Amino acid sequence: MSLDLSPNALIALQARYLRKDPEGRVIETPEGMLRRVARSIAAAEERWTGKEGVRRAEKRFYDLMASLAFLPNSPTLMNAGNGLGQLSACFVLPVGDSLPEIFNTLRDAALIQQSGGGTGFAFSRLRPAGDQVRSTMGISSGPVSFMRVYNAATEAVKQGGARRGANMGVLRVDHPDILEFICAKDGEGELANFNISVALSDAFMEALSAGEDYPLVNPRTGLEAGRLEAEEVFGAIAEQAWKNGEPGVIFLGPVNADHPASHLGQIEATNPCGEEPLLPCESCNLGSLNLVKLADAKGRIDFHRLGEAVRWAVRFLDDVIEVNRYPLPAIAETTRRTRKIGLGVMGFADLLLLRGVPYGSDAALEAAEEVMAYIRQESVAVSEELARERGPYPGFGGSLRQREGGAPMRNATVNTIAPTGTLSLISGVSSGIEPVFAFEYERHVLGTVLQEVHPLYSRCRQGGRQLDPEVFVTAREIAPKWHVRMQAAFQKYVDNAVSKTINFPAGGTVEEVKEAFLLAYELGCKGLTVYRDRSRRSQVLNVCDSKCSL
């Protein structure tokens, strides 16, 4: 099966994924890459299905990827079958309140980033700036100062020879240094290797709703260290997010209430893009289904093909856990205890274009719920089947599902909506569940500027077809409330979380940002990230100044 790849997809593959010789020359074809990945992951099958099962799985895995109906996360494409063998994209590491713990975690993060993984950290356990350090009789410099140390270290580590390191920094809203944290990226270029998010508790949201103040807590002593008006803090978050897109927010209540393995601990942080809430020392591997490849020319999903794709994609992701070479023993232990996977989608906006359905509409929300409910149903069914065949995840006893009498599952979680940036470029479809950013735009990939024209838009222009202004709309032209409602529609059928940017036009207001955060909480989202167009001088995606080449 030959791959249907665009010139820009080939450029991205050559830059990031295909094997190179010691002189940096590409020595692998895209087909060779997929065969390498399929062979490496299918090897896990021998334990349960024998050599014949390995051969069957290898063919299925290759065909699924070569058709571009499914692709796993980037570290799997880069590292499967290679010496490194680290295949997970998402990690969360604990940061303890002592100098040895802080720098041990930094060392661990460097190893993960070197292998192509992204790291999330909760800095909420660190004592605040100005607090006493009994061992030296000095004073603490606080979480933000150590984030700058982590940021500098990440700058020096290039992921897998192909990607810069990515971090998520999280601080609880009741930490005494919360206002400093909210403004930590006030200047463009500050903490450039971090996304930052404020962890909002249900208690804070209740104080905000009631117009009250709330207590700050010193994590070293557990004692109250002052009080702040909830509206003041919420306003600061919204203003900074309006100014440059950060911080985002994580809603700790829904995250932990819905966590299937909550009996094993509390979630404090997520991976860099926010779609994967994880326990400390936990990792997860992701994959995405290409909805365009699983639909006809009018955007009608072939549910039989989709079901088969889910079946083999879930199996693939579970096999990744078996063959993965984890960077640290603690990560291997925690990950194998829960066996979390995250199967999601890409090309959703293209599916709507094929159907002639506006992204900002009730019909689009119905389409989202229909397709994700089916993927969820089938993902759970496959995980239950794998549990019967291979045994449930070791931490299943005492889980929410076990307490409610549900059937054992092989994986604590099965679904995630990831951003799929480069994967969607390779596949030639829109990213994740995002609307089309622009129909003609520039993408910056490792210093290379790629001009892109949306394939459906291009075909319509070349054919002289009239474009429906309600359907062919871009992310900035869709009202923020529809962005939020779309995220919430997918979240209903996702046990992890959803990566989604709530786009605002350049003229959006701080009040509108506040409204988006509140609506997301009301609708059951687990977090939210907003971005106002042109609020940063440097953007990964930019509308072309002149017409891109068709």
Protein backbone atom coordinates (compact mmCIF):
# COMPACT_ATOMS: atom_id res chain seq x y z
CA MET A 1 0.00 0.00 0.00
CA SER A 2 1.56 3.30 -1.09
CA LEU A 3 1.22 6.35 1.13
CA ASP A 4 -0.75 9.38 -0.05
CA LEU A 5 1.50 12.12 1.32
CA SER A 6 1.71 15.81 0.49
CA PRO A 7 5.09 17.51 -0.15
CA ASN A 8 4.82 19.23 3.24
CA ALA A 9 4.13 15.89 4.93
CA LEU A 10 7.31 14.49 3.40
CA ILE A 11 9.28 17.50 4.63
CA ALA A 12 7.98 16.96 8.18
CA LEU A 13 8.71 13.23 8.06
CA GLN A 14 12.25 13.79 6.83
CA ALA A 15 12.87 16.45 9.47
CA ARG A 16 11.50 14.57 12.46
CA TYR A 17 10.66 10.92 11.96
CA LEU A 18 12.65 9.04 9.34
CA ARG A 19 15.88 7.32 10.38
CA LYS A 20 19.12 9.06 9.50
CA ASP A 21 22.72 7.90 9.22
CA PRO A 22 25.50 9.39 11.39
CA GLU A 23 25.94 12.18 8.83
CA GLY A 24 22.27 13.14 9.09
CA ARG A 25 21.22 11.69 5.72
CA VAL A 26 17.73 10.15 5.58
CA ILE A 27 18.00 6.37 5.16
CA GLU A 28 14.34 5.39 5.60
CA THR A 29 11.21 5.78 3.51
CA PRO A 30 7.84 6.65 5.05
CA GLU A 31 6.68 3.10 4.23
CA GLY A 32 9.81 1.75 5.89
CA MET A 33 9.07 3.81 8.99
CA LEU A 34 5.56 2.36 9.29
CA ARG A 35 6.82 -1.19 8.74
CA ARG A 36 9.42 -0.63 11.46
CA VAL A 37 6.74 0.62 13.85
CA ALA A 38 4.23 -2.14 13.00
CA ARG A 39 6.85 -4.87 13.42
CA SER A 40 8.09 -3.50 16.73
CA ILE A 41 4.64 -3.06 18.32
CA ALA A 42 3.22 -6.36 17.00
CA ALA A 43 6.03 -8.26 18.75
CA ALA A 44 4.04 -7.84 21.98
CA GLU A 45 1.31 -10.11 20.62
CA GLU A 46 3.42 -13.29 20.81
CA ARG A 47 2.84 -13.60 24.54
CA TRP A 48 -0.90 -14.10 24.03
CA THR A 49 -1.50 -15.07 20.39
CA GLY A 50 1.74 -16.74 19.30
CA LYS A 51 3.75 -16.11 16.14
CA GLU A 52 0.68 -16.28 13.93
CA GLY A 53 -0.90 -13.53 16.02
CA VAL A 54 2.23 -11.43 15.61
CA ARG A 55 2.07 -11.76 11.82
CA ARG A 56 -1.62 -10.90 11.75
CA ALA A 57 -1.19 -7.88 14.03
CA GLU A 58 1.83 -6.58 12.10
CA LYS A 59 -0.15 -6.57 8.87
CA ARG A 60 -3.19 -4.96 10.50
CA PHE A 61 -1.09 -2.31 12.21
CA TYR A 62 0.77 -1.47 9.01
CA ASP A 63 -2.38 -1.29 6.88
CA LEU A 64 -4.11 0.90 9.46
CA MET A 65 -1.23 3.39 9.53
CA ALA A 66 -0.43 3.23 5.80
CA SER A 67 -4.04 4.10 4.98
CA LEU A 68 -3.57 7.13 7.28
CA ALA A 69 -6.74 6.06 9.14
CA PHE A 70 -4.70 5.96 12.38
CA LEU A 71 -1.34 7.23 13.58
CA PRO A 72 0.25 6.86 17.03
CA ASN A 73 1.94 9.72 18.87
CA SER A 74 5.25 11.05 17.59
CA PRO A 75 7.65 9.23 19.98
CA THR A 76 6.24 5.90 18.79
CA LEU A 77 6.84 6.79 15.14
CA MET A 78 10.32 8.08 15.96
CA ASN A 79 11.55 5.46 18.40
CA ALA A 80 9.75 2.14 17.83
CA GLY A 81 12.25 -0.40 16.56
CA ASN A 82 15.14 1.95 17.20
CA GLY A 83 17.69 1.73 19.99
CA LEU A 84 15.97 4.22 22.27
CA GLY A 85 12.57 2.54 22.33
CA GLN A 86 10.80 5.20 24.45
CA LEU A 87 7.31 5.40 22.92
CA SER A 88 5.14 7.56 25.19
CA ALA A 89 4.30 11.22 24.56
CA CYS A 90 2.91 12.26 27.94
CA PHE A 91 4.49 12.25 31.40
CA VAL A 92 3.84 13.87 34.77
CA LEU A 93 6.62 14.03 37.34
CA PRO A 94 6.31 14.92 41.04
CA VAL A 95 8.19 17.95 42.40
CA GLY A 96 8.93 17.61 46.11
CA ASP A 97 9.73 20.44 48.51
CA SER A 98 13.47 19.91 48.93
CA LEU A 99 16.48 20.77 46.83
CA PRO A 100 17.41 17.10 46.15
CA GLU A 101 13.83 16.30 45.09
CA ILE A 102 13.59 19.37 42.85
CA PHE A 103 16.82 18.57 41.00
CA ASN A 104 16.23 14.82 40.86
CA THR A 105 12.99 15.57 39.04
CA LEU A 106 14.84 17.93 36.71
CA ARG A 107 17.27 15.15 35.84
CA ASP A 108 14.38 12.77 35.18
CA ALA A 109 12.67 15.35 32.97
CA ALA A 110 15.83 15.77 30.90
CA LEU A 111 15.91 12.02 30.20
CA ILE A 112 12.26 12.06 29.15
CA GLN A 113 12.62 15.10 26.92
CA GLN A 114 15.70 13.65 25.27
CA SER A 115 13.55 10.70 24.21
CA GLY A 116 10.78 12.84 22.72
CA GLY A 117 8.32 12.96 25.64
CA GLY A 118 6.64 16.00 27.14
CA THR A 119 6.59 16.59 30.89
CA GLY A 120 4.06 18.09 33.26
CA PHE A 121 4.80 19.26 36.79
CA ALA A 122 2.73 20.46 39.73
CA PHE A 123 4.82 22.98 41.65
CA SER A 124 2.14 23.28 44.31
CA ARG A 125 4.12 21.38 46.96
CA LEU A 126 6.95 23.90 46.96
CA ARG A 127 7.01 26.37 49.83
CA PRO A 128 6.32 29.99 48.80
CA ALA A 129 8.90 32.68 48.15
CA GLY A 130 10.17 34.21 51.38
CA ASP A 131 9.31 31.15 53.46
CA GLN A 132 11.97 29.75 55.76
CA VAL A 133 14.41 26.99 54.78
CA ARG A 134 15.28 25.41 58.11
CA SER A 135 18.30 23.41 56.88
CA THR A 136 20.19 26.55 55.81
CA MET A 137 18.39 29.18 57.92
CA GLY A 138 17.72 30.95 54.62
CA ILE A 139 14.56 31.82 52.72
CA SER A 140 12.90 30.07 49.81
CA SER A 141 12.90 31.59 46.33
CA GLY A 142 9.53 29.98 45.52
CA PRO A 143 8.08 27.85 42.70
CA VAL A 144 8.45 30.38 39.88
CA SER A 145 12.20 30.66 40.42
CA PHE A 146 12.59 26.88 40.07
CA MET A 147 10.40 26.90 36.97
CA ARG A 148 12.96 29.21 35.40
CA VAL A 149 15.69 26.67 36.23
CA TYR A 150 13.62 23.92 34.59
CA ASN A 151 13.01 26.13 31.59
CA ALA A 152 16.72 26.76 31.10
CA ALA A 153 17.50 23.06 31.36
CA THR A 154 14.83 22.21 28.80
CA GLU A 155 16.34 24.72 26.40
CA ALA A 156 19.55 22.71 26.47
CA VAL A 157 17.88 19.37 25.76
CA LYS A 158 16.70 18.69 22.24
CA GLN A 159 14.06 15.98 22.18
CA GLY A 160 15.10 12.86 20.34
CA GLY A 161 17.26 14.94 18.01
CA ALA A 162 14.05 16.31 16.51
CA ARG A 163 11.88 18.24 18.97
CA ARG A 164 12.40 20.93 21.55
CA GLY A 165 11.32 20.07 25.05
CA ALA A 166 7.80 20.90 26.18
CA ASN A 167 6.60 21.35 29.76
CA MET A 168 3.41 22.07 31.63
CA GLY A 169 3.75 23.98 34.88
CA VAL A 170 0.77 23.85 37.24
CA LEU A 171 0.16 25.74 40.49
CA ARG A 172 -2.88 25.43 42.74
CA VAL A 173 -4.96 28.57 43.03
CA ASP A 174 -4.57 28.48 46.84
CA HIS A 175 -0.75 28.61 46.77
CA PRO A 176 0.57 31.84 48.32
CA ASP A 177 2.59 32.61 45.15
CA ILE A 178 -0.39 32.32 42.82
CA LEU A 179 -0.35 35.94 41.62
CA GLU A 180 3.34 35.74 40.74
CA PHE A 181 2.67 32.49 38.88
CA ILE A 182 -0.25 33.94 36.91
CA CYS A 183 2.03 36.71 35.60
CA ALA A 184 5.11 34.51 35.15
CA LYS A 185 4.84 34.68 31.33
CA ASP A 186 3.85 38.34 31.17
CA GLY A 187 6.84 39.18 28.97
CA GLU A 188 7.01 37.43 25.60
CA GLY A 189 9.79 34.85 25.65
CA GLU A 190 9.54 34.25 29.41
CA LEU A 191 9.39 30.53 30.29
CA ALA A 192 9.29 29.80 26.56
CA ASN A 193 9.53 26.03 27.12
CA PHE A 194 6.52 25.99 29.45
CA ASN A 195 2.79 26.12 29.12
CA ILE A 196 1.32 27.16 32.44
CA SER A 197 -2.06 26.45 34.00
CA VAL A 198 -3.73 27.41 37.25
CA ALA A 199 -5.35 24.47 39.06
CA LEU A 200 -8.77 25.72 40.17
CA SER A 201 -10.51 23.86 42.98
CA ASP A 202 -14.27 23.52 43.38
CA ALA A 203 -13.93 25.54 46.59
CA PHE A 204 -12.38 28.41 44.63
CA MET A 205 -15.13 28.26 42.01
CA GLU A 206 -17.73 28.38 44.78
CA ALA A 207 -16.02 31.42 46.34
CA LEU A 208 -15.95 33.06 42.91
CA SER A 209 -19.65 32.42 42.38
CA ALA A 210 -20.47 33.82 45.83
CA GLY A 211 -18.23 36.88 45.42
CA GLU A 212 -16.13 35.87 48.45
CA ASP A 213 -12.49 35.63 49.36
CA TYR A 214 -10.70 32.33 49.87
CA PRO A 215 -7.71 31.10 51.91
CA LEU A 216 -4.14 30.68 50.68
CA VAL A 217 -2.36 27.69 52.19
CA ASN A 218 1.36 27.31 52.84
CA PRO A 219 2.12 23.79 51.54
CA ARG A 220 5.02 23.42 53.99
CA THR A 221 2.87 23.94 57.09
CA GLY A 222 -0.66 23.32 55.80
CA LEU A 223 -1.69 26.54 57.55
CA GLU A 224 -3.55 29.51 56.14
CA ALA A 225 -1.12 32.13 54.82
CA GLY A 226 -3.52 34.89 53.82
CA ARG A 227 -6.68 35.46 51.84
CA LEU A 228 -7.47 36.80 48.37
CA GLU A 229 -10.65 37.86 46.66
CA ALA A 230 -11.60 35.10 44.24
CA GLU A 231 -12.78 37.66 41.67
CA GLU A 232 -9.40 39.43 41.81
CA VAL A 233 -7.51 36.23 41.09
CA PHE A 234 -9.95 35.11 38.41
CA GLY A 235 -9.67 38.53 36.78
CA ALA A 236 -5.89 38.30 36.78
CA ILE A 237 -6.02 34.87 35.11
CA ALA A 238 -8.41 36.13 32.44
CA GLU A 239 -6.42 39.29 31.78
CA GLN A 240 -3.14 37.41 31.34
CA ALA A 241 -4.83 34.82 29.13
CA TRP A 242 -6.28 37.66 27.05
CA LYS A 243 -2.89 39.30 26.87
CA ASN A 244 -0.86 36.30 25.62
CA GLY A 245 -2.83 33.05 25.91
CA GLU A 246 -1.56 31.98 29.33
CA PRO A 247 -2.25 30.77 31.91
CA GLY A 248 -4.82 28.17 31.04
CA VAL A 249 -6.94 26.61 33.75
CA ILE A 250 -7.38 23.05 35.02
CA PHE A 251 -10.56 22.23 36.95
CA LEU A 252 -9.33 19.90 39.68
CA GLY A 253 -12.81 18.86 40.81
CA PRO A 254 -13.96 17.29 37.52
CA VAL A 255 -10.49 15.91 36.79
CA ASN A 256 -10.35 13.89 40.00
CA ALA A 257 -14.05 13.08 40.29
CA ASP A 258 -13.96 11.45 36.84
CA HIS A 259 -10.58 9.77 37.25
CA PRO A 260 -11.19 6.00 36.93
CA ALA A 261 -8.17 5.20 39.10
CA SER A 262 -8.77 7.86 41.76
CA HIS A 263 -8.17 5.24 44.46
CA LEU A 264 -4.49 5.26 43.48
CA GLY A 265 -3.96 8.97 44.15
CA GLN A 266 -4.90 12.53 43.28
CA ILE A 267 -4.10 14.11 39.93
CA GLU A 268 -2.28 17.42 40.26
CA ALA A 269 -0.98 18.08 36.73
CA THR A 270 -1.31 17.24 33.05
CA ASN A 271 0.96 16.76 30.06
CA PRO A 272 2.09 19.91 28.15
CA CYS A 273 -1.06 20.32 26.04
CA GLY A 274 -3.48 19.54 28.85
CA GLU A 275 -5.29 16.56 27.35
CA GLU A 276 -3.75 13.96 29.64
CA PRO A 277 -4.24 14.35 33.42
CA LEU A 278 -1.83 11.90 35.01
CA LEU A 279 -0.75 10.68 38.43
CA PRO A 280 2.81 11.51 39.54
CA CYS A 281 5.33 9.29 37.67
CA GLU A 282 2.67 8.18 35.19
CA SER A 283 2.93 8.17 31.39
CA CYS A 284 0.45 7.60 28.60
CA ASN A 285 0.71 6.83 24.89
CA LEU A 286 -1.74 8.35 22.44
CA GLY A 287 -3.07 7.70 18.96
CA SER A 288 -5.58 9.40 16.67
CA LEU A 289 -8.13 8.17 14.15
CA ASN A 290 -8.44 10.11 10.89
CA LEU A 291 -12.18 10.66 10.50
CA VAL A 292 -11.87 11.74 6.86
CA LYS A 293 -10.36 8.37 5.93
CA LEU A 294 -13.23 6.63 7.71
CA ALA A 295 -15.99 8.55 5.90
CA ASP A 296 -17.24 8.85 2.34
CA ALA A 297 -17.02 11.90 0.08
CA LYS A 298 -20.07 13.43 1.76
CA GLY A 299 -18.69 13.00 5.26
CA ARG A 300 -20.83 10.00 6.23
CA ILE A 301 -18.94 7.78 8.68
CA ASP A 302 -18.56 4.12 7.78
CA PHE A 303 -19.20 2.82 11.29
CA HIS A 304 -18.12 -0.72 10.45
CA ARG A 305 -14.71 0.53 9.27
CA LEU A 306 -14.51 2.89 12.23
CA GLY A 307 -15.23 0.03 14.61
CA GLU A 308 -12.48 -2.11 13.04
CA ALA A 309 -10.06 0.83 13.24
CA VAL A 310 -10.88 1.33 16.93
CA ARG A 311 -10.39 -2.39 17.58
CA TRP A 312 -6.88 -2.47 16.13
CA ALA A 313 -5.89 0.98 17.38
CA VAL A 314 -6.73 0.10 21.01
CA ARG A 315 -4.85 -3.17 20.62
CA PHE A 316 -1.88 -1.29 19.14
CA LEU A 317 -1.79 1.19 22.02
CA ASP A 318 -2.02 -1.57 24.62
CA ASP A 319 0.85 -3.39 22.90
CA VAL A 320 2.92 -0.20 23.09
CA ILE A 321 2.82 -0.47 26.87
CA GLU A 322 4.40 -3.94 26.60
CA VAL A 323 7.31 -3.06 24.30
CA ASN A 324 7.94 0.44 25.64
CA ARG A 325 11.33 1.12 27.22
CA TYR A 326 10.50 3.46 30.05
CA PRO A 327 13.07 6.10 31.03
CA LEU A 328 12.75 5.39 34.76
CA PRO A 329 11.72 2.36 36.88
CA ALA A 330 9.14 4.41 38.80
CA ILE A 331 7.46 5.46 35.55
CA ALA A 332 7.40 1.87 34.30
CA GLU A 333 5.79 0.70 37.55
CA THR A 334 3.12 3.42 37.71
CA THR A 335 2.28 3.22 34.01
CA ARG A 336 1.89 -0.56 34.06
CA ARG A 337 -0.33 -0.31 37.13
CA THR A 338 -2.95 1.70 35.21
CA ARG A 339 -2.08 0.96 31.56
CA LYS A 340 -3.65 4.21 30.38
CA ILE A 341 -4.05 4.78 26.66
CA GLY A 342 -5.59 7.69 24.79
CA LEU A 343 -7.32 7.08 21.46
CA GLY A 344 -8.73 10.22 19.85
CA VAL A 345 -9.52 11.78 16.51
CA MET A 346 -8.24 14.19 13.90
CA GLY A 347 -9.90 15.68 10.83
CA PHE A 348 -13.18 16.49 12.60
CA ALA A 349 -13.46 19.96 11.03
CA ASP A 350 -12.90 18.41 7.59
CA LEU A 351 -15.70 15.93 8.29
CA LEU A 352 -18.02 18.89 8.88
CA LEU A 353 -16.85 20.58 5.68
CA LEU A 354 -17.63 17.43 3.71
CA ARG A 355 -21.11 17.40 5.26
CA GLY A 356 -21.66 21.11 4.66
CA VAL A 357 -22.21 21.66 8.39
CA PRO A 358 -20.99 24.89 10.06
CA TYR A 359 -18.57 24.26 12.94
CA GLY A 360 -20.48 26.67 15.18
CA SER A 361 -23.84 24.93 15.08
CA ASP A 362 -26.01 22.45 16.94
CA ALA A 363 -25.62 20.07 14.01
CA ALA A 364 -21.84 20.09 14.51
CA LEU A 365 -22.27 19.33 18.22
CA GLU A 366 -24.56 16.42 17.34
CA ALA A 367 -21.96 15.10 14.91
CA ALA A 368 -19.29 15.35 17.60
CA GLU A 369 -21.35 13.43 20.13
CA GLU A 370 -22.38 10.78 17.62
CA VAL A 371 -18.86 9.93 16.48
CA MET A 372 -17.19 10.16 19.90
CA ALA A 373 -19.92 8.18 21.65
CA TYR A 374 -19.35 5.37 19.17
CA ILE A 375 -15.56 5.51 19.53
CA ARG A 376 -15.97 5.48 23.30
CA GLN A 377 -18.34 2.52 23.21
CA GLU A 378 -16.04 0.49 20.97
CA SER A 379 -12.87 1.48 22.86
CA VAL A 380 -14.33 0.27 26.14
CA ALA A 381 -15.54 -2.95 24.51
CA VAL A 382 -12.06 -3.71 23.13
CA SER A 383 -10.42 -2.92 26.48
CA GLU A 384 -12.87 -5.29 28.18
CA GLU A 385 -12.04 -7.97 25.61
CA LEU A 386 -8.32 -7.46 26.20
CA ALA A 387 -8.92 -7.75 29.95
CA ARG A 388 -10.50 -11.17 29.41
CA GLU A 389 -7.64 -12.19 27.15
CA ARG A 390 -4.70 -10.66 29.03
CA GLY A 391 -6.01 -9.63 32.44
CA PRO A 392 -7.23 -6.22 33.69
CA TYR A 393 -4.87 -3.43 34.60
CA PRO A 394 -3.26 -4.27 37.97
CA GLY A 395 -4.84 -1.29 39.71
CA PHE A 396 -8.40 -2.24 38.71
CA GLY A 397 -9.29 -3.54 42.18
CA GLY A 398 -10.83 -0.68 44.13
CA SER A 399 -11.36 1.48 41.03
CA LEU A 400 -14.54 3.43 40.42
CA ARG A 401 -15.60 0.97 37.71
CA GLN A 402 -14.96 -2.03 39.94
CA ARG A 403 -16.95 -0.48 42.80
CA GLU A 404 -19.84 0.21 40.43
CA GLY A 405 -19.85 -3.41 39.22
CA GLY A 406 -18.50 -2.68 35.74
CA ALA A 407 -16.62 -5.29 33.74
CA PRO A 408 -12.83 -5.30 34.17
CA MET A 409 -10.86 -3.28 31.61
CA ARG A 410 -7.31 -3.70 30.39
CA ASN A 411 -6.77 0.05 30.51
CA ALA A 412 -7.78 2.56 33.19
CA THR A 413 -8.48 5.13 30.48
CA VAL A 414 -8.97 4.65 26.74
CA ASN A 415 -9.79 8.00 25.10
CA THR A 416 -8.06 11.36 24.74
CA ILE A 417 -8.39 14.24 22.27
CA ALA A 418 -4.84 15.35 21.44
CA PRO A 419 -3.81 18.36 19.31
CA THR A 420 -2.24 16.12 16.56
CA GLY A 421 -0.22 19.00 15.10
CA THR A 422 2.36 17.16 13.00
CA LEU A 423 0.31 13.97 12.76
CA SER A 424 -2.52 15.88 11.08
CA LEU A 425 0.01 17.49 8.73
CA ILE A 426 1.24 14.02 7.74
CA SER A 427 -2.36 12.84 7.32
CA GLY A 428 -3.44 15.91 5.35
CA VAL A 429 -6.36 16.80 7.62
CA SER A 430 -7.37 19.37 10.22
CA SER A 431 -5.85 19.09 13.71
CA GLY A 432 -7.70 17.15 16.40
CA ILE A 433 -11.16 18.63 16.88
CA GLU A 434 -10.04 22.16 16.04
CA PRO A 435 -11.78 24.15 13.34
CA VAL A 436 -9.67 25.05 10.33
CA PHE A 437 -7.15 27.70 11.44
CA ALA A 438 -7.07 29.26 7.97
CA PHE A 439 -7.60 27.92 4.49
CA GLU A 440 -4.26 29.36 3.41
CA TYR A 441 -1.57 29.71 6.05
CA GLU A 442 2.07 29.29 7.01
CA ARG A 443 3.31 26.67 9.47
CA HIS A 444 6.72 26.94 11.14
CA VAL A 445 8.35 23.50 11.54
CA LEU A 446 11.88 23.37 12.97
CA GLY A 447 12.87 26.64 11.35
CA THR A 448 11.20 25.80 8.03
CA VAL A 449 8.22 27.84 6.84
CA LEU A 450 5.66 25.60 5.11
CA GLN A 451 2.90 27.20 3.06
CA GLU A 452 -0.32 25.22 3.25
CA VAL A 453 -3.64 25.35 1.44
CA HIS A 454 -6.55 23.33 2.78
CA PRO A 455 -7.22 20.47 0.31
CA LEU A 456 -11.02 20.89 0.19
CA TYR A 457 -10.70 24.64 -0.20
CA SER A 458 -8.14 24.16 -2.95
CA ARG A 459 -10.36 21.70 -4.84
CA CYS A 460 -13.32 24.08 -4.63
CA ARG A 461 -11.29 27.03 -5.88
CA GLN A 462 -9.78 25.07 -8.73
CA GLY A 463 -13.21 23.77 -9.72
CA GLY A 464 -14.77 27.22 -9.57
CA ARG A 465 -17.23 26.06 -6.92
CA GLN A 466 -19.01 28.64 -4.77
CA LEU A 467 -17.87 28.44 -1.13
CA ASP A 468 -20.62 28.54 1.52
CA PRO A 469 -19.53 31.39 3.90
CA GLU A 470 -21.28 29.70 6.83
CA VAL A 471 -19.37 26.45 6.33
CA PHE A 472 -15.95 27.62 5.17
CA VAL A 473 -15.17 29.60 8.31
CA THR A 474 -11.91 29.74 10.26
CA ALA A 475 -11.19 29.35 13.95
CA ARG A 476 -11.14 33.11 14.56
CA GLU A 477 -14.55 33.58 12.90
CA ILE A 478 -16.33 31.13 15.22
CA ALA A 479 -17.79 32.61 18.40
CA PRO A 480 -15.85 31.47 21.51
CA LYS A 481 -18.98 29.91 23.05
CA TRP A 482 -19.13 27.42 20.15
CA HIS A 483 -15.49 26.48 20.71
CA VAL A 484 -16.26 25.78 24.37
CA ARG A 485 -19.44 23.86 23.57
CA MET A 486 -17.54 21.70 21.08
CA GLN A 487 -14.91 20.86 23.68
CA ALA A 488 -17.64 19.95 26.14
CA ALA A 489 -19.42 17.76 23.56
CA PHE A 490 -16.31 15.63 23.09
CA GLN A 491 -15.50 15.62 26.81
CA LYS A 492 -18.78 13.78 27.51
CA TYR A 493 -17.29 10.69 25.87
CA VAL A 494 -13.63 11.04 26.84
CA ASP A 495 -12.27 9.65 30.11
CA ASN A 496 -9.03 11.63 29.92
CA ALA A 497 -9.33 15.22 28.68
CA VAL A 498 -9.59 17.29 25.51
CA SER A 499 -6.94 19.50 23.94
CA LYS A 500 -8.76 22.46 22.40
CA THR A 501 -7.85 26.10 21.89
CA ILE A 502 -10.67 28.58 22.41
CA ASN A 503 -9.87 31.12 19.72
CA PHE A 504 -10.67 34.80 20.04
CA PRO A 505 -10.30 37.45 17.38
CA ALA A 506 -7.79 40.21 18.03
CA GLY A 507 -10.64 42.43 19.27
CA GLY A 508 -11.86 39.95 21.90
CA THR A 509 -12.25 41.27 25.45
CA VAL A 510 -11.18 40.17 28.93
CA GLU A 511 -14.84 39.81 29.91
CA GLU A 512 -15.36 37.38 27.03
CA VAL A 513 -12.40 35.33 28.26
CA LYS A 514 -13.98 35.17 31.72
CA GLU A 515 -17.26 34.03 30.18
CA ALA A 516 -15.45 31.24 28.31
CA PHE A 517 -13.79 29.95 31.49
CA LEU A 518 -17.08 29.96 33.39
CA LEU A 519 -18.97 28.26 30.56
CA ALA A 520 -16.31 25.54 30.36
CA TYR A 521 -16.67 24.81 34.08
CA GLU A 522 -20.46 24.80 33.82
CA LEU A 523 -20.41 22.35 30.89
CA GLY A 524 -18.04 19.86 32.54
CA CYS A 525 -14.77 20.57 30.75
CA LYS A 526 -11.62 19.55 32.63
CA GLY A 527 -9.67 22.64 31.67
CA LEU A 528 -9.46 25.43 29.14
CA THR A 529 -6.90 27.25 27.03
CA VAL A 530 -7.70 30.46 25.17
CA TYR A 531 -5.78 32.36 22.53
CA ARG A 532 -6.51 35.83 21.13
CA ASP A 533 -5.19 36.27 17.62
CA ARG A 534 -1.99 38.35 17.34
CA SER A 535 -1.60 38.55 21.11
CA ARG A 536 1.92 37.18 20.61
CA ARG A 537 4.47 38.41 18.10
CA SER A 538 5.46 34.82 17.30
CA GLN A 539 2.84 32.22 16.31
CA VAL A 540 3.31 28.65 15.05
CA LEU A 541 0.49 29.17 12.54
CA ASN A 542 0.10 32.42 10.58
CA VAL A 543 -2.29 33.46 7.86
CA CYS A 544 -0.38 33.94 4.60
CA ASP A 545 0.33 37.58 3.79
CA SER A 546 -0.28 36.78 0.11
CA LYS A 547 -2.05 33.93 -1.65
CA CYS A 548 -0.37 30.59 -1.00
CA SER A 549 0.48 28.45 -3.97
CA LEU A 550 -2.20 26.00 -5.02
